[in-house]
Amino acid sequence: QVRECTNQVMVYDTLKRTFNVVKTKGISVQPRKDHSAAIYESSMIVYGGQFQNGSLSNEMLNFDIEYNDWSRLTLKSNFEPVTQMMCCSVLTGSNASAKKSVPTSSEITRMSDAIFDGIYFFGGKNGAGELQNKLRYLKVNTSERKVMSVEWQKLKQQGNPPSGRTGHSMQFLPVNQSIVIVGGRNDQECSSLSVPFLNDMHLFLLDQKAWIEVKYIPVSEHLCR
């Protein structure tokens, strides 16, 4: 069931501990839920979501945080809409310091030791309700910290990725240049393990483009965001 959705942008004041609605300008953005959003430089990039009528979106939106301005980003290629994907920004500064163009997708497959700044997405489910376990890479082109364009690029990977899921946590870890995926929900897998939520933890090593599973002792009985 799709309940009432909103298109408001809200900012949390950490000092006053209050939420404030931001007055925005630019294009009109349809209310939605279950979209993905990440801060990249001076923008908030928003992907997809589900509209109040139940239809799914695969549009890419750019919210300029400095000017509170919405714009739509054009994609040369896209994939079927996926909702409830988690995402995180990877900003190492390596791309900004190098006075050269960002490698093409063909170069990404063979430059295994290079770390690519951008936004990484994982998990979610498609329109048929099928859980996804793909790691997707969005190359972001900027000029003076402003997002100018974005492009989905294929990323060759090694190892076994986590199972498909929603409701997981996903963060970039600068200390070891990796992305961590923790917990989430996969009803079929949880049923077989007799647990309400997944307790696993996985790292994607950005330099090696490789997945590894982390063995640990969980503090809580479930790890769902």
C-alpha atoms as a PDB file:
ATOM      1  CA  GLN A   1       0.000   0.000   0.000  1.00  0.00           C
ATOM      2  CA  VAL A   2       1.342   3.409  -0.990  1.00  0.00           C
ATOM      3  CA  ARG A   3       0.510   6.056   1.589  1.00  0.00           C
ATOM      4  CA  GLU A   4       0.724   9.802   1.132  1.00  0.00           C
ATOM      5  CA  CYS A   5       4.078  10.878  -0.248  1.00  0.00           C
ATOM      6  CA  THR A   6       5.806  14.230  -0.057  1.00  0.00           C
ATOM      7  CA  ASN A   7       8.273  16.222  -2.126  1.00  0.00           C
ATOM      8  CA  GLN A   8       9.541  18.382   0.731  1.00  0.00           C
ATOM      9  CA  VAL A   9      13.218  18.847   1.502  1.00  0.00           C
ATOM     10  CA  MET A  10      13.806  18.996   5.245  1.00  0.00           C
ATOM     11  CA  VAL A  11      16.916  19.987   7.178  1.00  0.00           C
ATOM     12  CA  TYR A  12      17.605  18.865  10.728  1.00  0.00           C
ATOM     13  CA  ASP A  13      19.051  21.541  13.014  1.00  0.00           C
ATOM     14  CA  THR A  14      21.441  19.655  15.296  1.00  0.00           C
ATOM     15  CA  LEU A  15      21.623  22.526  17.806  1.00  0.00           C
ATOM     16  CA  LYS A  16      17.895  23.205  18.166  1.00  0.00           C
ATOM     17  CA  ARG A  17      17.012  19.564  17.414  1.00  0.00           C
ATOM     18  CA  THR A  18      14.256  20.567  15.047  1.00  0.00           C
ATOM     19  CA  PHE A  19      13.329  19.828  11.424  1.00  0.00           C
ATOM     20  CA  ASN A  20      12.872  22.754   9.034  1.00  0.00           C
ATOM     21  CA  VAL A  21      11.226  22.638   5.598  1.00  0.00           C
ATOM     22  CA  VAL A  22      13.429  24.159   2.897  1.00  0.00           C
ATOM     23  CA  LYS A  23      11.843  26.522   0.382  1.00  0.00           C
ATOM     24  CA  THR A  24      13.001  25.207  -2.991  1.00  0.00           C
ATOM     25  CA  LYS A  25      12.986  26.480  -6.565  1.00  0.00           C
ATOM     26  CA  GLY A  26      13.684  25.029  -9.992  1.00  0.00           C
ATOM     27  CA  ILE A  27      11.744  22.176 -11.571  1.00  0.00           C
ATOM     28  CA  SER A  28       8.679  20.647  -9.943  1.00  0.00           C
ATOM     29  CA  VAL A  29       9.539  17.327  -8.289  1.00  0.00           C
ATOM     30  CA  GLN A  30       6.845  14.680  -7.894  1.00  0.00           C
ATOM     31  CA  PRO A  31       6.207  13.429  -4.350  1.00  0.00           C
ATOM     32  CA  ARG A  32       7.737   9.984  -3.793  1.00  0.00           C
ATOM     33  CA  LYS A  33       9.055   7.443  -1.316  1.00  0.00           C
ATOM     34  CA  ASP A  34      11.697   4.671  -1.271  1.00  0.00           C
ATOM     35  CA  HIS A  35      14.117   6.744  -3.365  1.00  0.00           C
ATOM     36  CA  SER A  36      17.888   6.918  -2.921  1.00  0.00           C
ATOM     37  CA  ALA A  37      19.728  10.102  -1.970  1.00  0.00           C
ATOM     38  CA  ALA A  38      23.365  11.024  -1.373  1.00  0.00           C
ATOM     39  CA  ILE A  39      25.288  14.235  -0.788  1.00  0.00           C
ATOM     40  CA  TYR A  40      28.012  14.795  -3.386  1.00  0.00           C
ATOM     41  CA  GLU A  41      30.064  17.996  -3.226  1.00  0.00           C
ATOM     42  CA  SER A  42      27.461  20.821  -3.024  1.00  0.00           C
ATOM     43  CA  SER A  43      24.557  18.728  -4.328  1.00  0.00           C
ATOM     44  CA  MET A  44      22.117  16.124  -3.145  1.00  0.00           C
ATOM     45  CA  ILE A  45      21.613  13.514  -5.867  1.00  0.00           C
ATOM     46  CA  VAL A  46      18.259  11.720  -5.763  1.00  0.00           C
ATOM     47  CA  TYR A  47      17.490   8.590  -7.765  1.00  0.00           C
ATOM     48  CA  GLY A  48      14.136   6.966  -8.503  1.00  0.00           C
ATOM     49  CA  GLY A  49      11.521   6.102  -5.923  1.00  0.00           C
ATOM     50  CA  GLN A  50       7.851   5.171  -5.969  1.00  0.00           C
ATOM     51  CA  PHE A  51       5.150   7.720  -6.745  1.00  0.00           C
ATOM     52  CA  GLN A  52       1.889   7.868  -4.837  1.00  0.00           C
ATOM     53  CA  ASN A  53       0.046   6.132  -7.705  1.00  0.00           C
ATOM     54  CA  GLY A  54       2.336   3.110  -7.281  1.00  0.00           C
ATOM     55  CA  SER A  55       4.457   3.606 -10.404  1.00  0.00           C
ATOM     56  CA  LEU A  56       8.232   3.494 -10.157  1.00  0.00           C
ATOM     57  CA  SER A  57      10.685   6.151 -11.309  1.00  0.00           C
ATOM     58  CA  ASN A  58      14.242   5.866 -12.588  1.00  0.00           C
ATOM     59  CA  GLU A  59      14.876   9.597 -13.011  1.00  0.00           C
ATOM     60  CA  MET A  60      17.954  11.295 -11.589  1.00  0.00           C
ATOM     61  CA  LEU A  61      17.532  14.616  -9.793  1.00  0.00           C
ATOM     62  CA  ASN A  62      20.049  17.185  -8.612  1.00  0.00           C
ATOM     63  CA  PHE A  63      19.329  19.451  -5.648  1.00  0.00           C
ATOM     64  CA  ASP A  64      21.815  22.316  -5.366  1.00  0.00           C
ATOM     65  CA  ILE A  65      22.269  22.731  -1.613  1.00  0.00           C
ATOM     66  CA  GLU A  66      23.743  26.226  -1.910  1.00  0.00           C
ATOM     67  CA  TYR A  67      20.857  27.679  -3.956  1.00  0.00           C
ATOM     68  CA  ASN A  68      18.054  25.221  -2.975  1.00  0.00           C
ATOM     69  CA  ASP A  69      17.491  24.603  -6.664  1.00  0.00           C
ATOM     70  CA  TRP A  70      16.110  21.400  -8.254  1.00  0.00           C
ATOM     71  CA  SER A  71      17.188  20.238 -11.716  1.00  0.00           C
ATOM     72  CA  ARG A  72      16.935  16.987 -13.668  1.00  0.00           C
ATOM     73  CA  LEU A  73      20.028  15.106 -14.821  1.00  0.00           C
ATOM     74  CA  THR A  74      19.946  13.370 -18.203  1.00  0.00           C
ATOM     75  CA  LEU A  75      21.262   9.811 -18.402  1.00  0.00           C
ATOM     76  CA  LYS A  76      22.617   8.340 -21.644  1.00  0.00           C
ATOM     77  CA  SER A  77      21.622   4.869 -20.484  1.00  0.00           C
ATOM     78  CA  ASN A  78      19.533   3.574 -17.615  1.00  0.00           C
ATOM     79  CA  PHE A  79      18.157   0.321 -16.182  1.00  0.00           C
ATOM     80  CA  GLU A  80      14.776  -0.826 -14.946  1.00  0.00           C
ATOM     81  CA  PRO A  81      13.530   1.184 -11.944  1.00  0.00           C
ATOM     82  CA  VAL A  82      14.766  -0.124  -8.590  1.00  0.00           C
ATOM     83  CA  THR A  83      13.418   1.204  -5.284  1.00  0.00           C
ATOM     84  CA  GLN A  84      14.840   1.041  -1.759  1.00  0.00           C
ATOM     85  CA  MET A  85      18.453   0.965  -2.925  1.00  0.00           C
ATOM     86  CA  MET A  86      20.977   2.195  -0.403  1.00  0.00           C
ATOM     87  CA  CYS A  87      23.774   4.452  -1.647  1.00  0.00           C
ATOM     88  CA  CYS A  88      26.844   6.308  -0.478  1.00  0.00           C
ATOM     89  CA  SER A  89      29.234   8.867  -1.907  1.00  0.00           C
ATOM     90  CA  VAL A  90      32.918   8.100  -2.348  1.00  0.00           C
ATOM     91  CA  LEU A  91      35.057  11.251  -2.359  1.00  0.00           C
ATOM     92  CA  THR A  92      38.763  10.605  -1.990  1.00  0.00           C
ATOM     93  CA  GLY A  93      39.948  13.752  -3.752  1.00  0.00           C
ATOM     94  CA  SER A  94      42.002  11.707  -6.196  1.00  0.00           C
ATOM     95  CA  ASN A  95      39.856  12.671  -9.163  1.00  0.00           C
ATOM     96  CA  ALA A  96      39.937  16.350  -8.256  1.00  0.00           C
ATOM     97  CA  SER A  97      43.703  16.493  -7.937  1.00  0.00           C
ATOM     98  CA  ALA A  98      44.386  14.673 -11.192  1.00  0.00           C
ATOM     99  CA  LYS A  99      44.338  16.958 -14.218  1.00  0.00           C
ATOM    100  CA  LYS A 100      42.948  14.311 -16.533  1.00  0.00           C
ATOM    101  CA  SER A 101      39.622  12.927 -17.604  1.00  0.00           C
ATOM    102  CA  VAL A 102      37.869  10.241 -15.557  1.00  0.00           C
ATOM    103  CA  PRO A 103      38.497   6.772 -17.058  1.00  0.00           C
ATOM    104  CA  THR A 104      35.906   5.285 -19.371  1.00  0.00           C
ATOM    105  CA  SER A 105      33.957   2.156 -18.446  1.00  0.00           C
ATOM    106  CA  SER A 106      36.304  -0.008 -20.514  1.00  0.00           C
ATOM    107  CA  GLU A 107      39.246   1.314 -18.509  1.00  0.00           C
ATOM    108  CA  ILE A 108      37.476   0.625 -15.220  1.00  0.00           C
ATOM    109  CA  THR A 109      37.483  -3.102 -15.943  1.00  0.00           C
ATOM    110  CA  ARG A 110      41.257  -3.290 -16.209  1.00  0.00           C
ATOM    111  CA  MET A 111      42.486  -0.614 -13.757  1.00  0.00           C
ATOM    112  CA  SER A 112      41.838  -2.766 -10.684  1.00  0.00           C
ATOM    113  CA  ASP A 113      43.911  -0.653  -8.299  1.00  0.00           C
ATOM    114  CA  ALA A 114      42.248   2.695  -9.110  1.00  0.00           C
ATOM    115  CA  ILE A 115      39.613   4.091  -6.743  1.00  0.00           C
ATOM    116  CA  PHE A 116      36.844   5.977  -8.495  1.00  0.00           C
ATOM    117  CA  ASP A 117      35.001   8.835  -6.840  1.00  0.00           C
ATOM    118  CA  GLY A 118      31.259   8.813  -7.392  1.00  0.00           C
ATOM    119  CA  ILE A 119      28.083   7.406  -5.891  1.00  0.00           C
ATOM    120  CA  TYR A 120      27.685   3.666  -5.323  1.00  0.00           C
ATOM    121  CA  PHE A 121      24.295   1.945  -5.021  1.00  0.00           C
ATOM    122  CA  PHE A 122      23.437  -1.512  -3.707  1.00  0.00           C
ATOM    123  CA  GLY A 123      20.347  -3.675  -3.174  1.00  0.00           C
ATOM    124  CA  GLY A 124      16.705  -2.672  -3.501  1.00  0.00           C
ATOM    125  CA  LYS A 125      13.948  -4.359  -5.461  1.00  0.00           C
ATOM    126  CA  ASN A 126      12.500  -4.017  -8.944  1.00  0.00           C
ATOM    127  CA  GLY A 127       8.907  -3.562 -10.070  1.00  0.00           C
ATOM    128  CA  ALA A 128       8.242  -7.307  -9.722  1.00  0.00           C
ATOM    129  CA  GLY A 129       9.389  -7.227  -6.101  1.00  0.00           C
ATOM    130  CA  GLU A 130      12.599  -9.134  -6.863  1.00  0.00           C
ATOM    131  CA  LEU A 131      15.500  -8.285  -4.565  1.00  0.00           C
ATOM    132  CA  GLN A 132      18.662  -7.009  -6.215  1.00  0.00           C
ATOM    133  CA  ASN A 133      22.277  -7.755  -5.235  1.00  0.00           C
ATOM    134  CA  LYS A 134      24.068  -5.565  -7.766  1.00  0.00           C
ATOM    135  CA  LEU A 135      26.577  -2.879  -6.887  1.00  0.00           C
ATOM    136  CA  ARG A 136      26.016   0.013  -9.286  1.00  0.00           C
ATOM    137  CA  TYR A 137      28.461   2.850  -9.905  1.00  0.00           C
ATOM    138  CA  LEU A 138      27.404   6.371 -10.872  1.00  0.00           C
ATOM    139  CA  LYS A 139      30.198   8.539 -12.238  1.00  0.00           C
ATOM    140  CA  VAL A 140      29.646  12.178 -11.271  1.00  0.00           C
ATOM    141  CA  ASN A 141      31.209  14.995 -13.295  1.00  0.00           C
ATOM    142  CA  THR A 142      31.677  18.262 -11.423  1.00  0.00           C
ATOM    143  CA  SER A 143      33.004  21.743 -12.044  1.00  0.00           C
ATOM    144  CA  GLU A 144      33.865  24.000  -9.075  1.00  0.00           C
ATOM    145  CA  ARG A 145      32.011  21.543  -6.795  1.00  0.00           C
ATOM    146  CA  LYS A 146      28.860  21.769  -8.929  1.00  0.00           C
ATOM    147  CA  VAL A 147      27.422  18.578 -10.412  1.00  0.00           C
ATOM    148  CA  MET A 148      27.288  18.980 -14.192  1.00  0.00           C
ATOM    149  CA  SER A 149      26.407  15.463 -15.384  1.00  0.00           C
ATOM    150  CA  VAL A 150      26.212  11.840 -14.276  1.00  0.00           C
ATOM    151  CA  GLU A 151      26.626   8.486 -16.005  1.00  0.00           C
ATOM    152  CA  TRP A 152      26.059   4.862 -14.988  1.00  0.00           C
ATOM    153  CA  GLN A 153      29.189   2.808 -15.600  1.00  0.00           C
ATOM    154  CA  LYS A 154      29.821  -0.908 -15.369  1.00  0.00           C
ATOM    155  CA  LEU A 155      32.237  -1.987 -12.692  1.00  0.00           C
ATOM    156  CA  LYS A 156      34.035  -5.323 -12.942  1.00  0.00           C
ATOM    157  CA  GLN A 157      33.906  -7.067  -9.565  1.00  0.00           C
ATOM    158  CA  GLN A 158      35.522 -10.042  -7.863  1.00  0.00           C
ATOM    159  CA  GLY A 159      34.248 -12.263  -5.063  1.00  0.00           C
ATOM    160  CA  ASN A 160      30.715 -13.002  -3.923  1.00  0.00           C
ATOM    161  CA  PRO A 161      28.435  -9.993  -3.386  1.00  0.00           C
ATOM    162  CA  PRO A 162      25.930  -9.927  -0.510  1.00  0.00           C
ATOM    163  CA  SER A 163      22.506 -11.423  -1.120  1.00  0.00           C
ATOM    164  CA  GLY A 164      19.746  -9.136  -2.391  1.00  0.00           C
ATOM    165  CA  ARG A 165      18.173  -7.022   0.343  1.00  0.00           C
ATOM    166  CA  THR A 166      16.435  -3.841   1.435  1.00  0.00           C
ATOM    167  CA  GLY A 167      16.704  -1.832   4.633  1.00  0.00           C
ATOM    168  CA  HIS A 168      20.459  -2.349   4.938  1.00  0.00           C
ATOM    169  CA  SER A 169      23.132   0.144   5.949  1.00  0.00           C
ATOM    170  CA  MET A 170      25.773   1.295   3.477  1.00  0.00           C
ATOM    171  CA  GLN A 171      28.720   3.594   4.112  1.00  0.00           C
ATOM    172  CA  PHE A 172      32.095   4.548   2.678  1.00  0.00           C
ATOM    173  CA  LEU A 173      35.007   3.778   5.020  1.00  0.00           C
ATOM    174  CA  PRO A 174      37.952   6.102   4.231  1.00  0.00           C
ATOM    175  CA  VAL A 175      40.187   4.274   6.725  1.00  0.00           C
ATOM    176  CA  ASN A 176      40.487   1.254   4.427  1.00  0.00           C
ATOM    177  CA  GLN A 177      39.030   2.668   1.201  1.00  0.00           C
ATOM    178  CA  SER A 178      36.052   0.335   1.154  1.00  0.00           C
ATOM    179  CA  ILE A 179      32.258   0.298   1.195  1.00  0.00           C
ATOM    180  CA  VAL A 180      30.551  -1.573   4.024  1.00  0.00           C
ATOM    181  CA  ILE A 181      27.142  -3.260   3.714  1.00  0.00           C
ATOM    182  CA  VAL A 182      25.471  -4.270   6.987  1.00  0.00           C
ATOM    183  CA  GLY A 183      22.274  -6.198   7.714  1.00  0.00           C
ATOM    184  CA  GLY A 184      18.963  -5.525   6.055  1.00  0.00           C
ATOM    185  CA  ARG A 185      15.955  -7.588   5.101  1.00  0.00           C
ATOM    186  CA  ASN A 186      15.622 -10.621   2.854  1.00  0.00           C
ATOM    187  CA  ASP A 187      12.525 -12.574   3.921  1.00  0.00           C
ATOM    188  CA  GLN A 188      13.491 -15.833   2.235  1.00  0.00           C
ATOM    189  CA  GLU A 189      16.997 -15.886   3.683  1.00  0.00           C
ATOM    190  CA  CYS A 190      15.842 -14.689   7.100  1.00  0.00           C
ATOM    191  CA  SER A 191      13.212 -17.441   7.211  1.00  0.00           C
ATOM    192  CA  SER A 192      15.819 -20.123   6.497  1.00  0.00           C
ATOM    193  CA  LEU A 193      18.055 -18.702   9.260  1.00  0.00           C
ATOM    194  CA  SER A 194      15.123 -18.170  11.678  1.00  0.00           C
ATOM    195  CA  VAL A 195      16.036 -14.520  12.229  1.00  0.00           C
ATOM    196  CA  PRO A 196      13.926 -11.366  11.709  1.00  0.00           C
ATOM    197  CA  PHE A 197      16.712  -9.459   9.939  1.00  0.00           C
ATOM    198  CA  LEU A 198      20.090 -10.196   8.405  1.00  0.00           C
ATOM    199  CA  ASN A 199      23.157  -9.976  10.651  1.00  0.00           C
ATOM    200  CA  ASP A 200      25.891 -10.165   8.020  1.00  0.00           C
ATOM    201  CA  MET A 201      28.567  -7.620   7.140  1.00  0.00           C
ATOM    202  CA  HIS A 202      30.366  -7.254   3.808  1.00  0.00           C
ATOM    203  CA  LEU A 203      33.152  -5.031   2.497  1.00  0.00           C
ATOM    204  CA  PHE A 204      33.716  -3.968  -1.088  1.00  0.00           C
ATOM    205  CA  LEU A 205      37.397  -3.092  -1.460  1.00  0.00           C
ATOM    206  CA  LEU A 206      37.460  -0.166  -3.866  1.00  0.00           C
ATOM    207  CA  ASP A 207      41.071  -0.618  -4.974  1.00  0.00           C
ATOM    208  CA  GLN A 208      40.755  -4.347  -5.679  1.00  0.00           C
ATOM    209  CA  LYS A 209      37.088  -4.209  -6.781  1.00  0.00           C
ATOM    210  CA  ALA A 210      36.533  -7.251  -4.572  1.00  0.00           C
ATOM    211  CA  TRP A 211      33.860  -8.386  -2.122  1.00  0.00           C
ATOM    212  CA  ILE A 212      34.774  -9.988   1.206  1.00  0.00           C
ATOM    213  CA  GLU A 213      32.531 -11.089   4.073  1.00  0.00           C
ATOM    214  CA  VAL A 214      33.468  -9.866   7.538  1.00  0.00           C
ATOM    215  CA  LYS A 215      33.161 -12.240  10.499  1.00  0.00           C
ATOM    216  CA  TYR A 216      32.195 -10.469  13.705  1.00  0.00           C
ATOM    217  CA  ILE A 217      30.189 -10.841  16.923  1.00  0.00           C
ATOM    218  CA  PRO A 218      27.057  -8.662  16.648  1.00  0.00           C
ATOM    219  CA  VAL A 219      26.111  -6.502  19.620  1.00  0.00           C
ATOM    220  CA  SER A 220      22.416  -6.557  18.742  1.00  0.00           C
ATOM    221  CA  GLU A 221      20.255  -9.409  17.503  1.00  0.00           C
ATOM    222  CA  HIS A 222      19.449  -7.661  14.250  1.00  0.00           C
ATOM    223  CA  LEU A 223      21.105  -5.076  12.044  1.00  0.00           C
ATOM    224  CA  CYS A 224      18.486  -3.246  10.048  1.00  0.00           C
ATOM    225  CA  ARG A 225      18.610   0.501   9.570  1.00  0.00           C
END
